[in-house]
């Protein structure tokens, strides 16, 4: 799934680190989502500039807000994750219930230059860059991940006019 926004007229750093919030559901107990942010030049060439990935059974966020020391905590802005921290522990792992909608957060950062466009591509694999564990493969085999659209999803920390153009 690919979303390409309009050309920007001035250098556009997204407002802070990128926390891509998605509302989605899976047909299987597990799945992986990879979000790649690309810079699309005026000539149409596309260059990936950053990406984030998440094994959905490991979607739990540390709810401890960061303080003076930023360790094992999630940075929040207006009550929403800005820089999510996933503990990736066995205790934090929770299988997906097929057909149930979950909110997930992936983070990254970038700057888009004048005349360029921002592109977000969502995939469920990135072989050979990322190879899922045997358990994740077994629990996601044959599954379908559905990304839900509405007033909340997908959400990037962009200015309202750029966000409006990106999700048209």
N, C-alpha and C. Protein backbone atom coordinates (compact mmCIF):
# COMPACT_ATOMS: atom_id res chain seq x y z
N UNK A 1 0.85 -1.15 0.00
CA UNK A 1 0.00 0.00 0.00
C UNK A 1 0.91 1.22 0.00
N UNK A 2 0.68 2.15 -0.90
CA UNK A 2 1.55 3.32 -1.03
C UNK A 2 0.73 4.60 -1.06
N UNK A 3 1.20 5.60 -0.32
CA UNK A 3 0.59 6.92 -0.27
C UNK A 3 1.65 7.92 -0.69
N UNK A 4 1.39 8.75 -1.67
CA UNK A 4 2.34 9.78 -2.11
C UNK A 4 1.67 11.13 -1.98
N UNK A 5 2.34 12.04 -1.26
CA UNK A 5 1.79 13.37 -1.02
C UNK A 5 2.18 14.34 -2.13
N UNK A 6 1.76 15.59 -1.99
CA UNK A 6 2.07 16.63 -2.98
C UNK A 6 3.51 17.12 -2.81
N UNK A 7 4.02 17.80 -3.83
CA UNK A 7 5.35 18.42 -3.74
C UNK A 7 5.28 19.53 -2.69
N UNK A 8 6.34 19.66 -1.89
CA UNK A 8 6.38 20.72 -0.90
C UNK A 8 7.15 21.91 -1.47
N UNK A 9 6.78 23.12 -1.06
CA UNK A 9 7.42 24.32 -1.61
C UNK A 9 8.64 24.75 -0.80
N UNK A 10 8.73 24.32 0.45
CA UNK A 10 9.89 24.62 1.29
C UNK A 10 10.32 23.33 1.97
N UNK A 11 11.56 23.30 2.47
CA UNK A 11 12.02 22.10 3.18
C UNK A 11 11.01 21.77 4.28
N UNK A 12 10.61 20.55 4.33
CA UNK A 12 9.56 20.15 5.27
C UNK A 12 10.05 19.03 6.18
N UNK A 13 10.53 19.42 7.37
CA UNK A 13 10.80 18.34 8.33
C UNK A 13 9.48 17.99 9.00
N UNK A 14 9.07 16.72 8.99
CA UNK A 14 7.88 16.37 9.74
C UNK A 14 8.03 16.89 11.16
N UNK A 15 6.94 17.22 11.81
CA UNK A 15 6.98 17.86 13.11
C UNK A 15 7.39 16.87 14.18
N UNK A 16 8.71 16.73 14.36
CA UNK A 16 9.26 15.81 15.36
C UNK A 16 9.52 14.46 14.75
N UNK A 17 9.91 13.50 15.59
CA UNK A 17 10.11 12.13 15.09
C UNK A 17 8.80 11.62 14.50
N UNK A 18 8.89 10.70 13.57
CA UNK A 18 7.68 10.16 12.95
C UNK A 18 7.16 8.97 13.72
N UNK A 19 5.97 9.11 14.26
CA UNK A 19 5.26 7.99 14.84
C UNK A 19 4.09 7.74 13.91
N UNK A 20 4.16 6.71 13.12
CA UNK A 20 3.07 6.36 12.22
C UNK A 20 2.08 5.51 13.00
N UNK A 21 0.90 6.05 13.25
CA UNK A 21 -0.13 5.29 13.95
C UNK A 21 -1.06 4.69 12.91
N UNK A 22 -1.28 3.39 13.00
CA UNK A 22 -2.18 2.68 12.10
C UNK A 22 -3.24 1.96 12.92
N UNK A 23 -4.45 1.95 12.43
CA UNK A 23 -5.49 1.09 12.99
C UNK A 23 -5.63 -0.04 11.98
N UNK A 24 -5.43 -1.27 12.46
CA UNK A 24 -5.49 -2.40 11.54
C UNK A 24 -5.99 -3.64 12.23
N UNK A 25 -6.29 -4.64 11.42
CA UNK A 25 -6.68 -5.94 11.96
C UNK A 25 -6.07 -7.01 11.08
N UNK A 26 -5.91 -8.19 11.65
CA UNK A 26 -5.28 -9.30 10.96
C UNK A 26 -6.19 -10.51 10.98
N UNK A 27 -6.05 -11.34 9.97
CA UNK A 27 -6.80 -12.59 9.91
C UNK A 27 -6.08 -13.71 10.68
N UNK A 28 -4.86 -13.42 11.18
CA UNK A 28 -4.04 -14.42 11.87
C UNK A 28 -3.59 -13.86 13.23
N UNK A 29 -3.04 -14.73 14.12
CA UNK A 29 -2.61 -14.28 15.44
C UNK A 29 -1.37 -13.38 15.43
N UNK A 30 -0.69 -13.25 14.30
CA UNK A 30 0.47 -12.38 14.24
C UNK A 30 0.66 -11.89 12.82
N UNK A 31 1.41 -10.81 12.70
CA UNK A 31 1.74 -10.23 11.41
C UNK A 31 2.88 -9.25 11.64
N UNK A 32 3.50 -8.82 10.57
CA UNK A 32 4.54 -7.81 10.62
C UNK A 32 4.14 -6.67 9.71
N UNK A 33 4.40 -5.44 10.13
CA UNK A 33 4.15 -4.28 9.29
C UNK A 33 5.45 -3.48 9.19
N UNK A 34 5.83 -3.16 7.98
CA UNK A 34 7.00 -2.32 7.72
C UNK A 34 6.51 -1.07 7.02
N UNK A 35 6.87 0.09 7.56
CA UNK A 35 6.53 1.37 6.94
C UNK A 35 7.82 2.00 6.44
N UNK A 36 7.86 2.35 5.16
CA UNK A 36 9.04 2.99 4.57
C UNK A 36 8.65 4.38 4.11
N UNK A 37 9.40 5.37 4.57
CA UNK A 37 9.20 6.74 4.15
C UNK A 37 10.22 7.04 3.07
N UNK A 38 9.74 7.49 1.92
CA UNK A 38 10.62 7.76 0.79
C UNK A 38 10.51 9.21 0.37
N UNK A 39 11.58 9.71 -0.21
CA UNK A 39 11.64 11.04 -0.81
C UNK A 39 11.45 10.84 -2.30
N UNK A 40 10.44 11.48 -2.87
CA UNK A 40 10.17 11.36 -4.30
C UNK A 40 10.62 12.66 -4.96
N UNK A 41 11.67 12.59 -5.78
CA UNK A 41 12.23 13.76 -6.44
C UNK A 41 11.31 14.26 -7.56
N UNK A 42 11.50 15.50 -8.01
CA UNK A 42 10.68 16.03 -9.11
C UNK A 42 10.70 15.16 -10.37
N UNK A 43 11.80 14.42 -10.60
CA UNK A 43 11.87 13.56 -11.79
C UNK A 43 11.14 12.23 -11.60
N UNK A 44 10.55 12.02 -10.41
CA UNK A 44 9.80 10.79 -10.14
C UNK A 44 10.61 9.69 -9.47
N UNK A 45 11.93 9.86 -9.39
CA UNK A 45 12.73 8.83 -8.72
C UNK A 45 12.41 8.84 -7.23
N UNK A 46 12.42 7.67 -6.64
CA UNK A 46 12.04 7.52 -5.24
C UNK A 46 13.20 6.91 -4.48
N UNK A 47 13.57 7.54 -3.35
CA UNK A 47 14.66 7.04 -2.52
C UNK A 47 14.17 6.85 -1.09
N UNK A 48 14.25 5.61 -0.58
CA UNK A 48 13.85 5.40 0.81
C UNK A 48 14.80 6.16 1.74
N UNK A 49 14.23 6.86 2.72
CA UNK A 49 15.09 7.61 3.64
C UNK A 49 15.01 7.09 5.07
N UNK A 50 13.97 6.39 5.41
CA UNK A 50 13.89 5.79 6.73
C UNK A 50 12.75 4.77 6.74
N UNK A 51 12.80 3.88 7.70
CA UNK A 51 11.70 2.91 7.83
C UNK A 51 11.58 2.47 9.28
N UNK A 52 10.45 1.90 9.58
CA UNK A 52 10.20 1.33 10.90
C UNK A 52 9.41 0.05 10.71
N UNK A 53 9.58 -0.87 11.62
CA UNK A 53 8.86 -2.14 11.50
C UNK A 53 8.37 -2.58 12.87
N UNK A 54 7.36 -3.44 12.85
CA UNK A 54 6.81 -3.95 14.09
C UNK A 54 6.18 -5.31 13.87
N UNK A 55 6.58 -6.28 14.69
CA UNK A 55 5.89 -7.56 14.76
C UNK A 55 4.68 -7.28 15.64
N UNK A 56 3.49 -7.46 15.11
CA UNK A 56 2.28 -6.97 15.77
C UNK A 56 1.99 -7.64 17.11
N UNK A 57 2.47 -8.86 17.32
CA UNK A 57 2.29 -9.47 18.65
C UNK A 57 3.15 -8.77 19.70
N UNK A 58 4.11 -7.94 19.25
CA UNK A 58 4.99 -7.19 20.15
C UNK A 58 4.61 -5.71 20.17
N UNK A 59 3.34 -5.38 19.92
CA UNK A 59 2.88 -4.01 19.75
C UNK A 59 2.77 -3.22 21.06
N UNK A 60 2.77 -3.89 22.20
CA UNK A 60 2.60 -3.19 23.47
C UNK A 60 3.64 -2.10 23.64
N UNK A 61 3.20 -0.94 24.10
CA UNK A 61 4.10 0.18 24.37
C UNK A 61 4.36 0.27 25.86
N UNK A 62 5.57 0.71 26.21
CA UNK A 62 5.84 1.06 27.59
C UNK A 62 5.05 2.32 27.88
N UNK A 63 4.20 2.30 28.88
CA UNK A 63 3.35 3.45 29.17
C UNK A 63 4.03 4.46 30.10
N UNK A 64 5.22 4.12 30.60
CA UNK A 64 5.97 5.05 31.44
C UNK A 64 6.42 6.22 30.58
N UNK A 65 6.00 7.43 30.96
CA UNK A 65 6.42 8.62 30.22
C UNK A 65 7.88 8.94 30.55
N UNK A 66 8.60 9.46 29.56
CA UNK A 66 10.00 9.81 29.77
C UNK A 66 10.12 11.04 30.65
N UNK A 67 11.19 11.08 31.42
CA UNK A 67 11.51 12.23 32.26
C UNK A 67 12.86 12.78 31.86
N UNK A 68 13.66 13.17 32.82
CA UNK A 68 15.00 13.71 32.55
C UNK A 68 15.90 12.65 31.93
N UNK A 69 15.70 11.40 32.33
CA UNK A 69 16.48 10.29 31.77
C UNK A 69 15.54 9.52 30.84
N UNK A 70 15.97 9.36 29.59
CA UNK A 70 15.14 8.70 28.59
C UNK A 70 15.63 7.27 28.39
N UNK A 71 15.07 6.35 29.19
CA UNK A 71 15.43 4.94 29.13
C UNK A 71 14.16 4.12 29.34
N UNK A 72 13.88 3.20 28.46
CA UNK A 72 12.72 2.31 28.58
C UNK A 72 11.43 3.07 28.87
N UNK A 73 11.18 4.12 28.08
CA UNK A 73 9.99 4.94 28.29
C UNK A 73 9.46 5.40 26.93
N UNK A 74 8.22 5.83 26.89
CA UNK A 74 7.62 6.36 25.67
C UNK A 74 7.48 7.86 25.82
N UNK A 75 7.92 8.60 24.79
CA UNK A 75 7.79 10.05 24.78
C UNK A 75 6.40 10.39 24.25
N UNK A 76 5.64 11.18 25.01
CA UNK A 76 4.28 11.53 24.63
C UNK A 76 4.16 13.02 24.31
N UNK A 77 3.23 13.38 23.45
CA UNK A 77 2.86 14.77 23.16
C UNK A 77 1.34 14.80 23.07
N UNK A 78 0.72 15.62 23.86
CA UNK A 78 -0.74 15.72 23.90
C UNK A 78 -1.40 14.36 24.14
N UNK A 79 -0.75 13.53 24.97
CA UNK A 79 -1.30 12.23 25.33
C UNK A 79 -1.15 11.15 24.28
N UNK A 80 -0.47 11.46 23.16
CA UNK A 80 -0.26 10.48 22.09
C UNK A 80 1.22 10.14 22.00
N UNK A 81 1.56 8.88 21.67
CA UNK A 81 2.96 8.52 21.57
C UNK A 81 3.67 9.35 20.49
N UNK A 82 4.79 9.94 20.84
CA UNK A 82 5.61 10.67 19.88
C UNK A 82 6.80 9.79 19.49
N UNK A 83 7.44 9.22 20.49
CA UNK A 83 8.51 8.25 20.27
C UNK A 83 8.15 7.02 21.09
N UNK A 84 7.51 6.02 20.44
CA UNK A 84 7.06 4.84 21.19
C UNK A 84 8.23 3.93 21.56
N UNK A 85 8.13 3.31 22.73
CA UNK A 85 9.12 2.33 23.15
C UNK A 85 8.41 1.01 23.35
N UNK A 86 8.78 0.01 22.56
CA UNK A 86 8.21 -1.33 22.68
C UNK A 86 9.19 -2.16 23.50
N UNK A 87 8.76 -2.77 24.60
CA UNK A 87 9.69 -3.52 25.44
C UNK A 87 10.23 -4.80 24.80
N UNK A 88 9.52 -5.38 23.85
CA UNK A 88 9.95 -6.61 23.17
C UNK A 88 10.35 -7.71 24.16
N UNK A 89 9.50 -7.94 25.15
CA UNK A 89 9.74 -9.01 26.11
C UNK A 89 8.66 -10.06 25.94
N UNK A 90 8.93 -11.25 26.44
CA UNK A 90 7.93 -12.32 26.38
C UNK A 90 6.66 -11.90 27.12
N UNK A 91 6.82 -11.20 28.25
CA UNK A 91 5.64 -10.75 29.01
C UNK A 91 4.82 -9.72 28.24
N UNK A 92 5.46 -8.95 27.34
CA UNK A 92 4.72 -7.91 26.60
C UNK A 92 4.11 -8.46 25.31
N UNK A 93 4.41 -9.70 24.97
CA UNK A 93 3.91 -10.27 23.72
C UNK A 93 2.47 -10.74 23.88
N UNK A 94 1.61 -10.29 22.97
CA UNK A 94 0.20 -10.66 22.98
C UNK A 94 -0.24 -10.96 21.56
N UNK A 95 -0.75 -12.16 21.34
CA UNK A 95 -1.22 -12.54 20.01
C UNK A 95 -2.38 -11.66 19.59
N UNK A 96 -2.52 -11.48 18.30
CA UNK A 96 -3.67 -10.77 17.75
C UNK A 96 -4.87 -11.70 17.76
N UNK A 97 -6.03 -11.16 18.00
CA UNK A 97 -7.26 -11.93 17.83
C UNK A 97 -7.74 -11.63 16.42
N UNK A 98 -7.78 -12.64 15.54
CA UNK A 98 -8.19 -12.38 14.17
C UNK A 98 -9.51 -11.61 14.09
N UNK A 99 -9.52 -10.58 13.25
CA UNK A 99 -10.71 -9.77 13.04
C UNK A 99 -10.88 -8.60 13.99
N UNK A 100 -10.05 -8.52 15.06
CA UNK A 100 -10.15 -7.42 16.02
C UNK A 100 -9.22 -6.29 15.56
N UNK A 101 -9.67 -5.04 15.72
CA UNK A 101 -8.89 -3.88 15.31
C UNK A 101 -7.95 -3.46 16.42
N UNK A 102 -6.68 -3.21 16.06
CA UNK A 102 -5.65 -2.77 17.00
C UNK A 102 -5.02 -1.49 16.49
N UNK A 103 -4.63 -0.61 17.39
CA UNK A 103 -3.84 0.56 17.05
C UNK A 103 -2.38 0.22 17.27
N UNK A 104 -1.52 0.53 16.31
CA UNK A 104 -0.09 0.25 16.45
C UNK A 104 0.71 1.50 16.08
N UNK A 105 1.92 1.61 16.63
CA UNK A 105 2.77 2.78 16.40
C UNK A 105 4.16 2.34 15.95
N UNK A 106 4.64 2.92 14.83
CA UNK A 106 6.00 2.71 14.33
C UNK A 106 6.64 4.09 14.26
N UNK A 107 7.94 4.21 14.58
CA UNK A 107 8.55 5.54 14.56
C UNK A 107 9.80 5.62 13.70
N UNK A 108 10.07 6.85 13.23
CA UNK A 108 11.22 7.15 12.38
C UNK A 108 11.34 8.67 12.26
N UNK A 109 12.21 9.20 11.35
CA UNK A 109 12.31 10.65 11.15
C UNK A 109 12.85 10.95 9.75
N UNK A 110 12.64 12.21 9.27
CA UNK A 110 13.07 12.58 7.91
C UNK A 110 12.89 14.07 7.65
N UNK A 111 13.47 14.57 6.54
CA UNK A 111 13.25 15.93 6.04
C UNK A 111 12.99 15.82 4.55
N UNK A 112 11.94 16.47 4.05
CA UNK A 112 11.60 16.46 2.63
C UNK A 112 12.00 17.81 2.04
N UNK A 113 12.81 17.80 0.97
CA UNK A 113 13.33 19.02 0.36
C UNK A 113 12.31 19.67 -0.58
N UNK A 114 12.48 20.98 -0.86
CA UNK A 114 11.55 21.68 -1.76
C UNK A 114 11.43 20.98 -3.12
N UNK A 115 10.20 20.91 -3.63
CA UNK A 115 9.95 20.27 -4.92
C UNK A 115 9.80 18.76 -4.82
N UNK A 116 10.12 18.19 -3.68
CA UNK A 116 10.02 16.74 -3.49
C UNK A 116 8.70 16.40 -2.83
N UNK A 117 8.35 15.12 -2.89
CA UNK A 117 7.12 14.63 -2.29
C UNK A 117 7.46 13.56 -1.27
N UNK A 118 6.56 13.34 -0.34
CA UNK A 118 6.73 12.31 0.67
C UNK A 118 5.89 11.10 0.27
N UNK A 119 6.48 9.93 0.40
CA UNK A 119 5.76 8.70 0.08
C UNK A 119 5.89 7.76 1.27
N UNK A 120 4.77 7.17 1.69
CA UNK A 120 4.77 6.16 2.74
C UNK A 120 4.29 4.86 2.11
N UNK A 121 5.08 3.82 2.26
CA UNK A 121 4.72 2.50 1.73
C UNK A 121 4.63 1.52 2.89
N UNK A 122 3.52 0.78 2.95
CA UNK A 122 3.32 -0.23 3.97
C UNK A 122 3.43 -1.60 3.33
N UNK A 123 4.22 -2.48 3.94
CA UNK A 123 4.35 -3.86 3.47
C UNK A 123 4.30 -4.78 4.69
N UNK A 124 4.22 -6.07 4.43
CA UNK A 124 4.22 -7.04 5.53
C UNK A 124 5.49 -7.87 5.57
N UNK A 125 6.45 -7.56 4.69
CA UNK A 125 7.74 -8.25 4.76
C UNK A 125 8.81 -7.38 4.11
N UNK A 126 10.04 -7.66 4.46
CA UNK A 126 11.19 -6.93 3.93
C UNK A 126 12.38 -7.88 3.86
N UNK A 127 12.22 -8.97 3.11
CA UNK A 127 13.27 -9.98 2.97
C UNK A 127 14.27 -9.50 1.92
N UNK A 128 15.54 -9.58 2.11
CA UNK A 128 16.25 -10.24 3.20
C UNK A 128 16.61 -9.30 4.35
N UNK A 129 16.20 -8.03 4.29
CA UNK A 129 16.56 -7.08 5.34
C UNK A 129 16.05 -7.52 6.71
N UNK A 130 14.81 -7.95 6.77
CA UNK A 130 14.23 -8.45 8.01
C UNK A 130 13.64 -9.82 7.74
N UNK A 131 14.00 -10.77 8.57
CA UNK A 131 13.45 -12.12 8.44
C UNK A 131 12.73 -12.44 9.75
N UNK A 132 11.48 -12.81 9.63
CA UNK A 132 10.66 -13.10 10.82
C UNK A 132 11.14 -14.36 11.52
N UNK A 133 10.83 -14.45 12.80
CA UNK A 133 11.14 -15.67 13.56
C UNK A 133 10.21 -16.79 13.11
N UNK A 134 10.54 -18.02 13.46
CA UNK A 134 9.70 -19.16 13.08
C UNK A 134 8.29 -19.01 13.66
N UNK A 135 8.19 -18.53 14.90
CA UNK A 135 6.88 -18.35 15.53
C UNK A 135 6.07 -17.30 14.80
N UNK A 136 6.68 -16.16 14.48
CA UNK A 136 5.96 -15.12 13.75
C UNK A 136 5.52 -15.62 12.39
N UNK A 137 6.39 -16.34 11.69
CA UNK A 137 6.01 -16.91 10.38
C UNK A 137 4.83 -17.85 10.52
N UNK A 138 4.87 -18.74 11.50
CA UNK A 138 3.78 -19.71 11.67
C UNK A 138 2.47 -19.01 12.03
N UNK A 139 2.55 -17.99 12.89
CA UNK A 139 1.33 -17.32 13.35
C UNK A 139 0.78 -16.30 12.36
N UNK A 140 1.55 -15.98 11.31
CA UNK A 140 1.05 -15.01 10.34
C UNK A 140 0.87 -15.61 8.95
N UNK A 141 1.24 -16.87 8.76
CA UNK A 141 1.16 -17.51 7.45
C UNK A 141 -0.26 -17.48 6.91
N UNK A 142 -0.41 -17.02 5.67
CA UNK A 142 -1.70 -17.00 5.01
C UNK A 142 -2.63 -15.91 5.48
N UNK A 143 -2.15 -15.04 6.35
CA UNK A 143 -3.00 -13.98 6.90
C UNK A 143 -3.13 -12.78 5.99
N UNK A 144 -4.14 -12.00 6.25
CA UNK A 144 -4.39 -10.74 5.56
C UNK A 144 -4.43 -9.66 6.62
N UNK A 145 -3.65 -8.58 6.41
CA UNK A 145 -3.68 -7.44 7.32
C UNK A 145 -4.50 -6.35 6.66
N UNK A 146 -5.49 -5.83 7.35
CA UNK A 146 -6.35 -4.78 6.83
C UNK A 146 -6.02 -3.47 7.53
N UNK A 147 -5.69 -2.44 6.77
CA UNK A 147 -5.45 -1.11 7.32
C UNK A 147 -6.76 -0.34 7.23
N UNK A 148 -7.20 0.20 8.35
CA UNK A 148 -8.48 0.90 8.41
C UNK A 148 -8.26 2.40 8.21
N UNK A 149 -9.16 3.04 7.50
CA UNK A 149 -9.07 4.47 7.24
C UNK A 149 -10.24 5.17 7.89
N UNK A 150 -9.98 6.36 8.35
CA UNK A 150 -10.99 7.16 9.00
C UNK A 150 -10.33 8.40 9.55
N UNK A 151 -10.97 9.05 10.50
CA UNK A 151 -10.42 10.30 11.03
C UNK A 151 -9.10 10.13 11.76
N UNK A 152 -8.77 8.91 12.26
CA UNK A 152 -7.54 8.71 13.02
C UNK A 152 -6.41 8.04 12.25
N UNK A 153 -6.69 7.35 11.17
CA UNK A 153 -5.64 6.52 10.60
C UNK A 153 -5.52 6.71 9.10
N UNK A 154 -4.34 6.62 8.50
CA UNK A 154 -3.06 6.64 9.18
C UNK A 154 -2.72 8.05 9.67
N UNK A 155 -1.91 8.15 10.70
CA UNK A 155 -1.57 9.44 11.28
C UNK A 155 -0.06 9.63 11.29
N UNK A 156 0.40 10.72 10.69
CA UNK A 156 1.80 11.13 10.73
C UNK A 156 1.85 12.51 11.36
N UNK A 157 2.93 12.86 12.07
CA UNK A 157 3.02 14.20 12.67
C UNK A 157 3.39 15.25 11.62
N UNK A 158 2.44 15.58 10.76
CA UNK A 158 2.66 16.53 9.68
C UNK A 158 1.77 17.74 9.89
N UNK A 159 2.10 18.83 9.21
CA UNK A 159 1.21 19.99 9.28
C UNK A 159 -0.14 19.57 8.68
N UNK A 160 -1.23 20.15 9.15
CA UNK A 160 -2.56 19.72 8.70
C UNK A 160 -2.73 19.76 7.18
N UNK A 161 -2.17 20.77 6.48
CA UNK A 161 -2.35 20.84 5.03
C UNK A 161 -1.61 19.71 4.32
N UNK A 162 -0.41 19.36 4.78
CA UNK A 162 0.33 18.25 4.16
C UNK A 162 -0.36 16.93 4.46
N UNK A 163 -0.81 16.74 5.70
CA UNK A 163 -1.50 15.50 6.06
C UNK A 163 -2.76 15.33 5.22
N UNK A 164 -3.52 16.42 5.01
CA UNK A 164 -4.74 16.38 4.22
C UNK A 164 -4.43 15.92 2.80
N UNK A 165 -3.37 16.45 2.21
CA UNK A 165 -2.98 16.08 0.84
C UNK A 165 -2.51 14.64 0.77
N UNK A 166 -1.77 14.17 1.79
CA UNK A 166 -1.19 12.83 1.77
C UNK A 166 -2.26 11.75 1.81
N UNK A 167 -3.35 11.98 2.52
CA UNK A 167 -4.36 10.94 2.68
C UNK A 167 -5.54 11.06 1.73
N UNK A 168 -5.43 11.92 0.69
CA UNK A 168 -6.50 12.04 -0.30
C UNK A 168 -6.66 10.75 -1.06
